[in-house]
């Protein structure tokens, strides 16, 4: 489901996503209609504009997160340093997409969200932290938590930050989905974060990613 105040954005995203055989756009809506439409249509993934004139995207995010069975929500924004992105990520968004995302990438990003992955490019997440210098600092306690991860857990953390689902992580480093799930659970516990997005942000802030979002040399095996 696509929620945006601009009809051109809604129709454009619907056209692109509907072309994929495995994706169905069940509805599009403006912000004021979003929650009722989600209740009625039950989408798995919602792409939600972060800035809308009729209702704030963060307000809609909070309402969706409060549903008994909330969908996965990723924020749509025009600016990679949007001041509201950080709040959205901390409020439970599964990531964010720029509205000028290449059409051939859009369907894959939605698949990643549906599979439980994180959608947040390292370049764009750096822009978020650089626009909030005070929030970007990693304190000693956070550094210590990252340091307590095993080499394998650090490797899995970087792959989480790259947006991979548990199944994709398992395929990448030749582990079963169950083993990856155990690693992810251990990582979240050790880092004391509430979910994959928060873990990915901490990986970025701790310097585990380089400019292309890949592992730094020596960050894992």
N, C-alpha and C. Protein backbone atom coordinates (compact mmCIF):
# COMPACT_ATOMS: atom_id res chain seq x y z
N UNK A 1 0.84 -1.18 0.00
CA UNK A 1 0.00 0.00 0.00
C UNK A 1 0.89 1.24 0.00
N UNK A 2 0.50 2.23 -0.77
CA UNK A 2 1.27 3.47 -0.89
C UNK A 2 0.45 4.62 -0.32
N UNK A 3 1.04 5.37 0.62
CA UNK A 3 0.36 6.52 1.24
C UNK A 3 1.17 7.77 0.94
N UNK A 4 0.58 8.68 0.18
CA UNK A 4 1.27 9.91 -0.19
C UNK A 4 0.22 10.95 -0.57
N UNK A 5 0.51 12.21 -0.30
CA UNK A 5 -0.47 13.25 -0.61
C UNK A 5 -0.47 13.62 -2.09
N UNK A 6 0.56 13.21 -2.82
CA UNK A 6 0.65 13.56 -4.24
C UNK A 6 0.14 12.41 -5.10
N UNK A 7 -0.86 12.70 -5.90
CA UNK A 7 -1.46 11.66 -6.75
C UNK A 7 -0.44 11.08 -7.72
N UNK A 8 0.47 11.91 -8.22
CA UNK A 8 1.47 11.43 -9.18
C UNK A 8 2.40 10.41 -8.53
N UNK A 9 2.76 10.64 -7.28
CA UNK A 9 3.62 9.68 -6.58
C UNK A 9 2.87 8.37 -6.36
N UNK A 10 1.62 8.47 -5.91
CA UNK A 10 0.83 7.26 -5.66
C UNK A 10 0.69 6.43 -6.94
N UNK A 11 0.32 7.09 -8.02
CA UNK A 11 0.09 6.36 -9.27
C UNK A 11 1.39 5.82 -9.84
N UNK A 12 2.47 6.58 -9.69
CA UNK A 12 3.76 6.14 -10.21
C UNK A 12 4.26 4.90 -9.48
N UNK A 13 4.20 4.92 -8.16
CA UNK A 13 4.63 3.77 -7.38
C UNK A 13 3.74 2.56 -7.66
N UNK A 14 2.43 2.81 -7.78
CA UNK A 14 1.51 1.71 -8.05
C UNK A 14 1.83 1.07 -9.40
N UNK A 15 2.09 1.89 -10.40
CA UNK A 15 2.39 1.38 -11.73
C UNK A 15 3.66 0.53 -11.73
N UNK A 16 4.70 1.04 -11.06
CA UNK A 16 5.98 0.34 -11.03
C UNK A 16 5.85 -0.99 -10.27
N UNK A 17 5.24 -0.94 -9.09
CA UNK A 17 5.16 -2.14 -8.26
C UNK A 17 4.21 -3.18 -8.83
N UNK A 18 3.14 -2.74 -9.45
CA UNK A 18 2.17 -3.68 -10.01
C UNK A 18 2.74 -4.45 -11.19
N UNK A 19 3.82 -3.96 -11.75
CA UNK A 19 4.46 -4.66 -12.87
C UNK A 19 5.21 -5.91 -12.41
N UNK A 20 5.46 -6.00 -11.11
CA UNK A 20 6.14 -7.18 -10.56
C UNK A 20 5.12 -8.30 -10.33
N UNK A 21 5.46 -9.50 -10.77
CA UNK A 21 4.52 -10.62 -10.68
C UNK A 21 4.16 -10.99 -9.25
N UNK A 22 5.08 -10.74 -8.31
CA UNK A 22 4.88 -11.20 -6.94
C UNK A 22 4.45 -10.09 -5.98
N UNK A 23 4.08 -8.92 -6.51
CA UNK A 23 3.66 -7.80 -5.67
C UNK A 23 2.29 -7.31 -6.12
N UNK A 24 1.39 -7.16 -5.18
CA UNK A 24 0.07 -6.59 -5.47
C UNK A 24 -0.11 -5.33 -4.66
N UNK A 25 -0.39 -4.22 -5.33
CA UNK A 25 -0.70 -2.98 -4.63
C UNK A 25 -2.19 -3.01 -4.31
N UNK A 26 -2.52 -3.25 -3.05
CA UNK A 26 -3.92 -3.43 -2.69
C UNK A 26 -4.66 -2.11 -2.54
N UNK A 27 -3.91 -1.01 -2.34
CA UNK A 27 -4.57 0.29 -2.19
C UNK A 27 -3.53 1.39 -2.22
N UNK A 28 -3.99 2.59 -2.54
CA UNK A 28 -3.22 3.81 -2.32
C UNK A 28 -4.12 4.76 -1.55
N UNK A 29 -3.51 5.69 -0.82
CA UNK A 29 -4.32 6.58 0.01
C UNK A 29 -3.55 7.84 0.35
N UNK A 30 -4.29 8.88 0.73
CA UNK A 30 -3.68 10.05 1.34
C UNK A 30 -3.62 9.79 2.85
N UNK A 31 -2.90 10.66 3.57
CA UNK A 31 -2.64 10.39 4.97
C UNK A 31 -3.86 10.19 5.84
N UNK A 32 -4.89 11.01 5.65
CA UNK A 32 -6.07 10.94 6.51
C UNK A 32 -6.82 9.63 6.34
N UNK A 33 -6.65 8.98 5.19
CA UNK A 33 -7.35 7.72 4.92
C UNK A 33 -6.51 6.49 5.30
N UNK A 34 -5.26 6.71 5.66
CA UNK A 34 -4.30 5.62 5.73
C UNK A 34 -4.70 4.52 6.71
N UNK A 35 -4.99 4.88 7.94
CA UNK A 35 -5.23 3.86 8.97
C UNK A 35 -6.47 3.04 8.65
N UNK A 36 -7.57 3.71 8.27
CA UNK A 36 -8.79 2.97 7.93
C UNK A 36 -8.56 2.06 6.74
N UNK A 37 -7.77 2.53 5.77
CA UNK A 37 -7.51 1.71 4.58
C UNK A 37 -6.66 0.50 4.94
N UNK A 38 -5.70 0.67 5.83
CA UNK A 38 -4.88 -0.46 6.27
C UNK A 38 -5.75 -1.48 7.00
N UNK A 39 -6.64 -1.00 7.86
CA UNK A 39 -7.54 -1.93 8.56
C UNK A 39 -8.39 -2.72 7.57
N UNK A 40 -8.84 -2.06 6.52
CA UNK A 40 -9.74 -2.69 5.56
C UNK A 40 -8.99 -3.64 4.61
N UNK A 41 -7.82 -3.22 4.13
CA UNK A 41 -7.12 -3.97 3.09
C UNK A 41 -6.06 -4.93 3.63
N UNK A 42 -5.54 -4.67 4.82
CA UNK A 42 -4.55 -5.55 5.43
C UNK A 42 -3.27 -5.74 4.64
N UNK A 43 -2.62 -4.67 4.19
CA UNK A 43 -1.37 -4.84 3.44
C UNK A 43 -0.25 -5.36 4.34
N UNK A 44 0.70 -6.07 3.73
CA UNK A 44 1.87 -6.53 4.46
C UNK A 44 2.90 -5.40 4.63
N UNK A 45 2.98 -4.54 3.62
CA UNK A 45 3.97 -3.46 3.60
C UNK A 45 3.27 -2.16 3.26
N UNK A 46 3.62 -1.09 3.98
CA UNK A 46 3.10 0.24 3.69
C UNK A 46 4.27 1.17 3.42
N UNK A 47 4.23 1.85 2.28
CA UNK A 47 5.19 2.91 1.98
C UNK A 47 4.49 4.22 2.32
N UNK A 48 5.02 4.93 3.31
CA UNK A 48 4.32 6.06 3.93
C UNK A 48 5.11 7.35 3.78
N UNK A 49 4.51 8.34 3.15
CA UNK A 49 5.14 9.65 3.01
C UNK A 49 5.38 10.26 4.39
N UNK A 50 6.57 10.75 4.61
CA UNK A 50 6.90 11.29 5.92
C UNK A 50 6.37 12.72 6.11
N UNK A 51 6.12 13.41 5.01
CA UNK A 51 5.62 14.80 5.08
C UNK A 51 4.35 14.94 4.26
N UNK A 52 3.22 15.11 4.94
CA UNK A 52 1.95 15.29 4.24
C UNK A 52 1.20 16.45 4.88
N UNK A 53 0.47 17.22 4.09
CA UNK A 53 -0.19 18.41 4.62
C UNK A 53 -1.42 18.12 5.48
N UNK A 54 -2.11 17.00 5.21
CA UNK A 54 -3.35 16.75 5.95
C UNK A 54 -3.10 16.09 7.30
N UNK A 55 -2.08 15.23 7.37
CA UNK A 55 -1.73 14.57 8.63
C UNK A 55 -0.26 14.21 8.56
N UNK A 56 0.45 14.40 9.66
CA UNK A 56 1.88 14.14 9.69
C UNK A 56 2.17 12.65 9.55
N UNK A 57 3.17 12.31 8.75
CA UNK A 57 3.52 10.91 8.54
C UNK A 57 3.92 10.20 9.82
N UNK A 58 4.55 10.92 10.74
CA UNK A 58 4.94 10.32 12.01
C UNK A 58 3.71 9.95 12.84
N UNK A 59 2.66 10.78 12.74
CA UNK A 59 1.41 10.48 13.44
C UNK A 59 0.79 9.21 12.88
N UNK A 60 0.76 9.10 11.55
CA UNK A 60 0.21 7.90 10.92
C UNK A 60 1.03 6.68 11.30
N UNK A 61 2.36 6.82 11.32
CA UNK A 61 3.23 5.71 11.72
C UNK A 61 2.87 5.22 13.10
N UNK A 62 2.69 6.14 14.04
CA UNK A 62 2.32 5.76 15.40
C UNK A 62 1.00 5.03 15.45
N UNK A 63 0.03 5.47 14.66
CA UNK A 63 -1.27 4.83 14.64
C UNK A 63 -1.19 3.43 14.03
N UNK A 64 -0.37 3.28 13.00
CA UNK A 64 -0.21 1.97 12.38
C UNK A 64 0.52 1.01 13.31
N UNK A 65 1.53 1.51 14.01
CA UNK A 65 2.28 0.65 14.94
C UNK A 65 1.42 0.18 16.10
N UNK A 66 0.35 0.93 16.39
CA UNK A 66 -0.53 0.58 17.51
C UNK A 66 -1.58 -0.45 17.13
N UNK A 67 -1.69 -0.80 15.85
CA UNK A 67 -2.67 -1.79 15.42
C UNK A 67 -2.30 -3.17 15.98
N UNK A 68 -3.29 -4.01 16.12
CA UNK A 68 -3.05 -5.36 16.66
C UNK A 68 -2.09 -6.15 15.79
N UNK A 69 -2.21 -6.01 14.48
CA UNK A 69 -1.31 -6.67 13.54
C UNK A 69 -0.76 -5.60 12.59
N UNK A 70 0.22 -4.82 13.04
CA UNK A 70 0.71 -3.71 12.22
C UNK A 70 1.47 -4.20 10.99
N UNK A 71 1.35 -3.49 9.87
CA UNK A 71 2.14 -3.83 8.70
C UNK A 71 3.58 -3.35 8.88
N UNK A 72 4.46 -3.81 8.03
CA UNK A 72 5.81 -3.25 7.96
C UNK A 72 5.69 -1.88 7.29
N UNK A 73 6.29 -0.87 7.89
CA UNK A 73 6.17 0.50 7.37
C UNK A 73 7.55 1.05 7.03
N UNK A 74 7.70 1.53 5.81
CA UNK A 74 8.91 2.26 5.41
C UNK A 74 8.48 3.66 4.99
N UNK A 75 9.28 4.64 5.37
CA UNK A 75 8.94 6.03 5.10
C UNK A 75 9.42 6.45 3.71
N UNK A 76 8.63 7.26 3.05
CA UNK A 76 9.00 7.86 1.77
C UNK A 76 9.42 9.30 2.01
N UNK A 77 10.53 9.70 1.43
CA UNK A 77 10.98 11.07 1.61
C UNK A 77 11.70 11.55 0.36
N UNK A 78 11.75 12.85 0.19
CA UNK A 78 12.46 13.45 -0.94
C UNK A 78 13.91 13.71 -0.61
N UNK A 79 14.21 13.91 0.68
CA UNK A 79 15.55 14.32 1.10
C UNK A 79 16.20 13.22 1.92
N UNK A 80 17.47 12.87 1.59
CA UNK A 80 18.14 11.82 2.34
C UNK A 80 18.56 12.27 3.73
N UNK A 81 18.47 13.59 4.00
CA UNK A 81 18.80 14.09 5.34
C UNK A 81 17.56 14.66 6.02
N UNK A 82 16.38 14.16 5.64
CA UNK A 82 15.13 14.64 6.22
C UNK A 82 15.19 14.58 7.75
N UNK A 83 14.88 15.69 8.39
CA UNK A 83 15.02 15.78 9.85
C UNK A 83 14.09 14.83 10.60
N UNK A 84 13.03 14.34 9.95
CA UNK A 84 12.09 13.47 10.62
C UNK A 84 12.43 11.98 10.51
N UNK A 85 13.39 11.64 9.65
CA UNK A 85 13.69 10.23 9.43
C UNK A 85 14.16 9.55 10.70
N UNK A 86 15.05 10.22 11.42
CA UNK A 86 15.61 9.61 12.63
C UNK A 86 14.50 9.29 13.63
N UNK A 87 13.56 10.22 13.80
CA UNK A 87 12.42 9.98 14.70
C UNK A 87 11.59 8.81 14.22
N UNK A 88 11.37 8.72 12.91
CA UNK A 88 10.57 7.63 12.36
C UNK A 88 11.25 6.28 12.60
N UNK A 89 12.56 6.22 12.40
CA UNK A 89 13.28 4.97 12.61
C UNK A 89 13.22 4.55 14.07
N UNK A 90 13.34 5.51 14.96
CA UNK A 90 13.28 5.21 16.39
C UNK A 90 11.86 4.87 16.83
N UNK A 91 10.87 5.21 15.99
CA UNK A 91 9.47 4.96 16.33
C UNK A 91 8.94 3.68 15.70
N UNK A 92 9.81 2.93 15.04
CA UNK A 92 9.39 1.63 14.54
C UNK A 92 9.32 1.47 13.04
N UNK A 93 9.69 2.50 12.28
CA UNK A 93 9.73 2.33 10.83
C UNK A 93 10.83 1.32 10.47
N UNK A 94 10.60 0.54 9.45
CA UNK A 94 11.55 -0.50 9.04
C UNK A 94 12.59 0.03 8.06
N UNK A 95 12.62 1.35 7.88
CA UNK A 95 13.58 1.96 6.98
C UNK A 95 12.94 3.10 6.22
N UNK A 96 13.65 3.57 5.21
CA UNK A 96 13.09 4.65 4.40
C UNK A 96 13.59 4.55 2.97
N UNK A 97 12.77 5.05 2.05
CA UNK A 97 13.09 5.08 0.63
C UNK A 97 13.04 6.51 0.14
N UNK A 98 13.97 6.86 -0.71
CA UNK A 98 13.89 8.16 -1.38
C UNK A 98 12.89 8.04 -2.53
N UNK A 99 12.13 9.10 -2.75
CA UNK A 99 11.11 9.04 -3.79
C UNK A 99 11.69 8.92 -5.19
N UNK A 100 12.98 9.24 -5.35
CA UNK A 100 13.60 9.10 -6.66
C UNK A 100 14.36 7.78 -6.80
N UNK A 101 14.00 6.80 -5.95
CA UNK A 101 14.58 5.46 -6.07
C UNK A 101 14.37 4.94 -7.49
N UNK A 102 15.41 4.31 -8.04
CA UNK A 102 15.31 3.78 -9.40
C UNK A 102 14.19 2.76 -9.49
N UNK A 103 13.37 2.83 -10.53
CA UNK A 103 12.23 1.90 -10.67
C UNK A 103 12.63 0.44 -10.58
N UNK A 104 13.80 0.08 -11.14
CA UNK A 104 14.19 -1.34 -11.11
C UNK A 104 14.63 -1.80 -9.73
N UNK A 105 14.83 -0.86 -8.80
CA UNK A 105 15.20 -1.22 -7.44
C UNK A 105 13.99 -1.28 -6.50
N UNK A 106 12.93 -0.60 -6.88
CA UNK A 106 11.80 -0.41 -5.98
C UNK A 106 11.16 -1.73 -5.57
N UNK A 107 10.90 -2.60 -6.53
CA UNK A 107 10.25 -3.88 -6.21
C UNK A 107 11.13 -4.70 -5.27
N UNK A 108 12.43 -4.72 -5.51
CA UNK A 108 13.31 -5.50 -4.65
C UNK A 108 13.33 -4.95 -3.23
N UNK A 109 13.25 -3.64 -3.08
CA UNK A 109 13.21 -3.04 -1.74
C UNK A 109 11.93 -3.45 -1.01
N UNK A 110 10.82 -3.51 -1.72
CA UNK A 110 9.56 -3.95 -1.11
C UNK A 110 9.66 -5.43 -0.72
N UNK A 111 10.29 -6.23 -1.55
CA UNK A 111 10.50 -7.64 -1.19
C UNK A 111 11.34 -7.76 0.08
N UNK A 112 12.36 -6.93 0.18
CA UNK A 112 13.21 -6.93 1.37
C UNK A 112 12.40 -6.60 2.62
N UNK A 113 11.54 -5.60 2.53
CA UNK A 113 10.68 -5.23 3.65
C UNK A 113 9.75 -6.37 4.02
N UNK A 114 9.14 -6.99 3.02
CA UNK A 114 8.20 -8.08 3.28
C UNK A 114 8.89 -9.28 3.93
N UNK A 115 10.18 -9.44 3.65
CA UNK A 115 10.93 -10.58 4.20
C UNK A 115 11.53 -10.26 5.57
N UNK A 116 11.26 -9.06 6.08
CA UNK A 116 11.76 -8.71 7.40
C UNK A 116 13.09 -7.98 7.39
N UNK A 117 13.53 -7.55 6.20
CA UNK A 117 14.80 -6.84 6.11
C UNK A 117 14.66 -5.36 6.38
N UNK A 118 15.80 -4.70 6.40
CA UNK A 118 15.89 -3.26 6.64
C UNK A 118 16.17 -2.57 5.32
N UNK A 119 15.43 -1.50 5.03
CA UNK A 119 15.66 -0.73 3.82
C UNK A 119 16.20 0.64 4.23
N UNK A 120 17.51 0.79 4.11
CA UNK A 120 18.14 2.02 4.56
C UNK A 120 19.55 2.06 4.00
N UNK A 121 19.75 2.81 2.92
CA UNK A 121 21.07 2.81 2.30
C UNK A 121 22.09 3.44 3.24
N UNK A 122 23.30 2.86 3.31
CA UNK A 122 24.33 3.44 4.18
C UNK A 122 24.61 4.91 3.88
N UNK A 123 24.62 5.27 2.59
CA UNK A 123 24.88 6.67 2.24
C UNK A 123 23.82 7.57 2.82
N UNK A 124 22.55 7.17 2.67
CA UNK A 124 21.46 8.01 3.18
C UNK A 124 21.44 8.03 4.70
N UNK A 125 21.74 6.88 5.35
CA UNK A 125 21.73 6.88 6.80
C UNK A 125 22.84 7.75 7.36
N UNK A 126 23.98 7.80 6.66
CA UNK A 126 25.04 8.72 7.10
C UNK A 126 24.56 10.16 7.03
N UNK A 127 23.81 10.49 5.97
CA UNK A 127 23.30 11.86 5.85
C UNK A 127 22.38 12.20 7.01
N UNK A 128 21.58 11.21 7.46
CA UNK A 128 20.70 11.44 8.61
C UNK A 128 21.52 11.77 9.85
N UNK A 129 22.54 10.94 10.12
CA UNK A 129 23.34 11.18 11.33
C UNK A 129 24.15 12.45 11.23
N UNK A 130 24.67 12.77 10.03
CA UNK A 130 25.46 13.98 9.87
C UNK A 130 24.61 15.23 10.05
N UNK A 131 23.31 15.11 9.79
CA UNK A 131 22.42 16.26 9.98
C UNK A 131 21.99 16.40 11.43
N UNK A 132 22.33 15.40 12.27
CA UNK A 132 22.04 15.43 13.70
C UNK A 132 23.31 15.07 14.45
N UNK A 133 24.32 15.97 14.46
CA UNK A 133 25.63 15.64 15.02
C UNK A 133 25.57 15.11 16.44
N UNK A 134 24.71 15.64 17.26
CA UNK A 134 24.64 15.18 18.64
C UNK A 134 24.17 13.75 18.75
N UNK A 135 23.28 13.35 17.84
CA UNK A 135 22.75 11.99 17.88
C UNK A 135 23.71 10.98 17.28
N UNK A 136 24.69 11.47 16.50
CA UNK A 136 25.57 10.57 15.78
C UNK A 136 26.65 9.96 16.66
N UNK A 137 26.94 10.58 17.79
CA UNK A 137 28.02 10.10 18.62
C UNK A 137 27.68 8.74 19.24
N UNK A 138 28.64 7.85 19.21
CA UNK A 138 28.48 6.56 19.86
C UNK A 138 29.16 6.65 21.21
N UNK A 139 28.39 6.45 22.29
CA UNK A 139 28.99 6.61 23.61
C UNK A 139 29.79 5.37 23.99
N UNK A 140 30.51 5.46 25.09
CA UNK A 140 31.40 4.37 25.50
C UNK A 140 30.64 3.08 25.74
N UNK A 141 29.45 3.19 26.32
CA UNK A 141 28.67 1.99 26.61
C UNK A 141 28.24 1.30 25.32
N UNK A 142 27.81 2.10 24.32
CA UNK A 142 27.42 1.51 23.04
C UNK A 142 28.63 0.85 22.37
N UNK A 143 29.77 1.51 22.42
CA UNK A 143 30.99 0.93 21.86
C UNK A 143 31.31 -0.40 22.52
N UNK A 144 31.15 -0.44 23.84
CA UNK A 144 31.43 -1.67 24.57
C UNK A 144 30.48 -2.78 24.14
N UNK A 145 29.21 -2.44 23.91
CA UNK A 145 28.24 -3.45 23.48
C UNK A 145 28.64 -4.03 22.13
N UNK A 146 29.02 -3.16 21.19
CA UNK A 146 29.45 -3.65 19.88
C UNK A 146 30.69 -4.53 20.04
N UNK A 147 31.59 -4.13 20.93
CA UNK A 147 32.80 -4.89 21.14
C UNK A 147 32.57 -6.26 21.72
N UNK A 148 31.43 -6.47 22.36
CA UNK A 148 31.13 -7.78 22.95
C UNK A 148 30.57 -8.77 21.92
N UNK A 149 30.30 -8.30 20.72
CA UNK A 149 29.82 -9.20 19.68
C UNK A 149 30.96 -10.10 19.21
N UNK A 150 30.63 -11.33 18.87
CA UNK A 150 31.62 -12.21 18.26
C UNK A 150 31.87 -11.77 16.82
N UNK A 151 32.93 -12.31 16.21
CA UNK A 151 33.20 -11.99 14.81
C UNK A 151 32.01 -12.34 13.92
N UNK A 152 31.41 -13.49 14.18
CA UNK A 152 30.28 -13.91 13.36
C UNK A 152 29.09 -12.98 13.58
N UNK A 153 28.86 -12.56 14.81
CA UNK A 153 27.75 -11.65 15.09
C UNK A 153 27.98 -10.29 14.44
N UNK A 154 29.22 -9.84 14.43
CA UNK A 154 29.51 -8.58 13.74
C UNK A 154 29.26 -8.71 12.24
N UNK A 155 29.60 -9.87 11.69
CA UNK A 155 29.35 -10.10 10.27
C UNK A 155 27.85 -10.09 9.99
N UNK A 156 27.09 -10.75 10.83
CA UNK A 156 25.64 -10.76 10.66
C UNK A 156 25.07 -9.35 10.83
N UNK A 157 25.58 -8.59 11.79
CA UNK A 157 25.11 -7.22 12.01
C UNK A 157 25.31 -6.36 10.76
N UNK A 158 26.45 -6.48 10.12
CA UNK A 158 26.71 -5.72 8.90
C UNK A 158 25.73 -6.11 7.81
N UNK A 159 25.42 -7.39 7.70
CA UNK A 159 24.48 -7.84 6.68
C UNK A 159 23.06 -7.37 7.00
N UNK A 160 22.72 -7.28 8.29
CA UNK A 160 21.44 -6.68 8.68
C UNK A 160 21.40 -5.24 8.18
N UNK A 161 22.49 -4.52 8.40
CA UNK A 161 22.55 -3.11 7.99
C UNK A 161 22.50 -2.95 6.47
N UNK A 162 22.92 -3.99 5.75
CA UNK A 162 22.82 -3.95 4.29
C UNK A 162 21.40 -4.25 3.81
N UNK A 163 20.50 -4.61 4.74
CA UNK A 163 19.11 -4.82 4.40
C UNK A 163 18.72 -6.26 4.12
N UNK A 164 19.60 -7.21 4.41
CA UNK A 164 19.31 -8.60 4.10
C UNK A 164 18.37 -9.21 5.14
N UNK A 165 17.47 -10.07 4.67
CA UNK A 165 16.61 -10.84 5.56
C UNK A 165 17.41 -12.00 6.15
N UNK A 166 16.83 -12.72 7.11
CA UNK A 166 17.52 -13.86 7.70
C UNK A 166 17.86 -14.90 6.63
N UNK A 167 16.93 -15.16 5.73
CA UNK A 167 17.18 -16.15 4.68
C UNK A 167 18.33 -15.71 3.78
N UNK A 168 18.36 -14.43 3.43
CA UNK A 168 19.43 -13.92 2.56
C UNK A 168 20.77 -13.94 3.27
N UNK A 169 20.76 -13.62 4.57
CA UNK A 169 22.00 -13.67 5.34
C UNK A 169 22.53 -15.11 5.37
N UNK A 170 21.63 -16.07 5.62
CA UNK A 170 22.03 -17.47 5.64
C UNK A 170 22.64 -17.92 4.32
N UNK A 171 22.03 -17.49 3.21
CA UNK A 171 22.56 -17.86 1.90
C UNK A 171 23.92 -17.21 1.66
N UNK A 172 24.09 -15.99 2.14
CA UNK A 172 25.35 -15.27 1.91
C UNK A 172 26.51 -15.92 2.65
N UNK A 173 26.28 -16.32 3.90
CA UNK A 173 27.41 -16.82 4.71
C UNK A 173 27.24 -18.30 5.08
N UNK A 174 26.34 -18.97 4.35
CA UNK A 174 26.22 -20.44 4.43
C UNK A 174 25.83 -20.91 5.84
N UNK A 175 24.76 -20.32 6.36
CA UNK A 175 24.20 -20.74 7.64
C UNK A 175 22.73 -21.05 7.45
N UNK A 176 22.18 -21.89 8.31
CA UNK A 176 20.74 -22.16 8.25
C UNK A 176 19.97 -20.95 8.75
N UNK A 177 18.71 -20.86 8.33
CA UNK A 177 17.87 -19.73 8.76
C UNK A 177 17.73 -19.72 10.28
N UNK A 178 17.65 -20.91 10.89
CA UNK A 178 17.52 -20.99 12.34
C UNK A 178 18.76 -20.46 13.04
N UNK A 179 19.93 -20.78 12.51
CA UNK A 179 21.17 -20.29 13.11
C UNK A 179 21.25 -18.77 12.98
N UNK A 180 20.86 -18.24 11.82
CA UNK A 180 20.87 -16.79 11.64
C UNK A 180 19.91 -16.13 12.62
N UNK A 181 18.74 -16.72 12.78
CA UNK A 181 17.76 -16.17 13.73
C UNK A 181 18.34 -16.11 15.13
N UNK A 182 19.07 -17.16 15.53
CA UNK A 182 19.71 -17.16 16.85
C UNK A 182 20.76 -16.06 16.96
N UNK A 183 21.53 -15.86 15.89
CA UNK A 183 22.54 -14.79 15.90
C UNK A 183 21.88 -13.41 16.01
N UNK A 184 20.81 -13.22 15.25
CA UNK A 184 20.11 -11.92 15.28
C UNK A 184 19.57 -11.66 16.68
N UNK A 185 18.97 -12.67 17.29
CA UNK A 185 18.45 -12.52 18.65
C UNK A 185 19.56 -12.15 19.62
N UNK A 186 20.71 -12.81 19.50
CA UNK A 186 21.84 -12.51 20.38
C UNK A 186 22.35 -11.10 20.16
N UNK A 187 22.39 -10.67 18.90
CA UNK A 187 22.86 -9.32 18.57
C UNK A 187 21.95 -8.26 19.19
N UNK A 188 20.65 -8.43 19.03
CA UNK A 188 19.71 -7.45 19.57
C UNK A 188 19.81 -7.39 21.09
N UNK A 189 20.00 -8.55 21.70
CA UNK A 189 20.12 -8.59 23.16
C UNK A 189 21.40 -7.91 23.62
N UNK A 190 22.52 -8.23 22.98
CA UNK A 190 23.79 -7.66 23.39
C UNK A 190 23.85 -6.15 23.15
N UNK A 191 23.24 -5.69 22.06
CA UNK A 191 23.26 -4.26 21.75
C UNK A 191 22.18 -3.48 22.50
N UNK A 192 21.24 -4.22 23.11
CA UNK A 192 20.14 -3.61 23.84
C UNK A 192 19.31 -2.68 22.94
N UNK A 193 18.98 -3.19 21.77
CA UNK A 193 18.15 -2.44 20.83
C UNK A 193 16.87 -3.21 20.58
N UNK A 194 15.85 -2.50 20.11
CA UNK A 194 14.54 -3.09 19.98
C UNK A 194 14.26 -3.77 18.66
N UNK A 195 15.15 -3.61 17.66
CA UNK A 195 14.87 -4.21 16.38
C UNK A 195 16.03 -4.04 15.41
N UNK A 196 15.80 -4.54 14.20
CA UNK A 196 16.86 -4.56 13.19
C UNK A 196 17.27 -3.16 12.75
N UNK A 197 16.32 -2.24 12.66
CA UNK A 197 16.66 -0.89 12.23
C UNK A 197 17.60 -0.23 13.23
N UNK A 198 17.28 -0.35 14.52
CA UNK A 198 18.14 0.25 15.54
C UNK A 198 19.52 -0.39 15.52
N UNK A 199 19.58 -1.70 15.29
CA UNK A 199 20.87 -2.37 15.19
C UNK A 199 21.65 -1.88 13.98
N UNK A 200 20.96 -1.69 12.86
CA UNK A 200 21.62 -1.19 11.65
C UNK A 200 22.16 0.21 11.85
N UNK A 201 21.39 1.06 12.53
CA UNK A 201 21.85 2.42 12.80
C UNK A 201 23.09 2.41 13.68
N UNK A 202 23.11 1.53 14.67
CA UNK A 202 24.27 1.45 15.55
C UNK A 202 25.49 0.95 14.79
N UNK A 203 25.29 0.01 13.87
CA UNK A 203 26.40 -0.47 13.04
C UNK A 203 26.98 0.68 12.22
N UNK A 204 26.09 1.51 11.66
CA UNK A 204 26.55 2.66 10.89
C UNK A 204 27.32 3.63 11.77
N UNK A 205 26.76 3.94 12.92
CA UNK A 205 27.39 4.91 13.82
C UNK A 205 28.71 4.40 14.38
N UNK A 206 28.81 3.09 14.56
CA UNK A 206 30.03 2.50 15.11
C UNK A 206 31.13 2.32 14.07
N UNK A 207 30.83 2.69 12.81
CA UNK A 207 31.85 2.64 11.78
C UNK A 207 32.08 1.27 11.18
N UNK A 208 31.08 0.38 11.26
CA UNK A 208 31.25 -0.96 10.71
C UNK A 208 31.04 -1.02 9.21
N UNK A 209 30.54 0.07 8.62
CA UNK A 209 30.27 0.10 7.18
C UNK A 209 31.16 1.12 6.52
N UNK A 210 31.58 0.81 5.29
CA UNK A 210 32.32 1.80 4.53
C UNK A 210 31.36 2.54 3.61
N UNK A 211 31.87 3.31 2.67
CA UNK A 211 31.03 4.17 1.83
C UNK A 211 30.07 3.39 0.95
N UNK A 212 30.39 2.14 0.65
CA UNK A 212 29.49 1.37 -0.20
C UNK A 212 28.60 0.45 0.60
N UNK A 213 28.70 0.54 1.97
CA UNK A 213 27.86 -0.29 2.79
C UNK A 213 28.39 -1.70 2.97
N UNK A 214 29.66 -1.91 2.62
CA UNK A 214 30.24 -3.23 2.76
C UNK A 214 31.03 -3.30 4.06
N UNK A 215 31.43 -4.54 4.43
CA UNK A 215 32.23 -4.72 5.64
C UNK A 215 33.56 -4.02 5.51
N UNK A 216 33.96 -3.37 6.60
CA UNK A 216 35.32 -2.86 6.65
C UNK A 216 36.28 -4.04 6.82
N UNK A 217 37.49 -3.92 6.26
CA UNK A 217 38.45 -5.00 6.43
C UNK A 217 38.64 -5.31 7.92
N UNK A 218 38.59 -6.61 8.24
CA UNK A 218 38.82 -7.01 9.63
C UNK A 218 37.61 -6.91 10.51
N UNK A 219 36.44 -6.53 9.96
CA UNK A 219 35.25 -6.37 10.81
C UNK A 219 34.52 -7.69 10.99
N UNK A 220 34.96 -8.74 10.35
CA UNK A 220 34.29 -10.02 10.50
C UNK A 220 34.92 -11.04 9.57
N UNK A 221 34.54 -12.26 9.70
CA UNK A 221 35.11 -13.27 8.83
C UNK A 221 33.99 -14.05 8.16
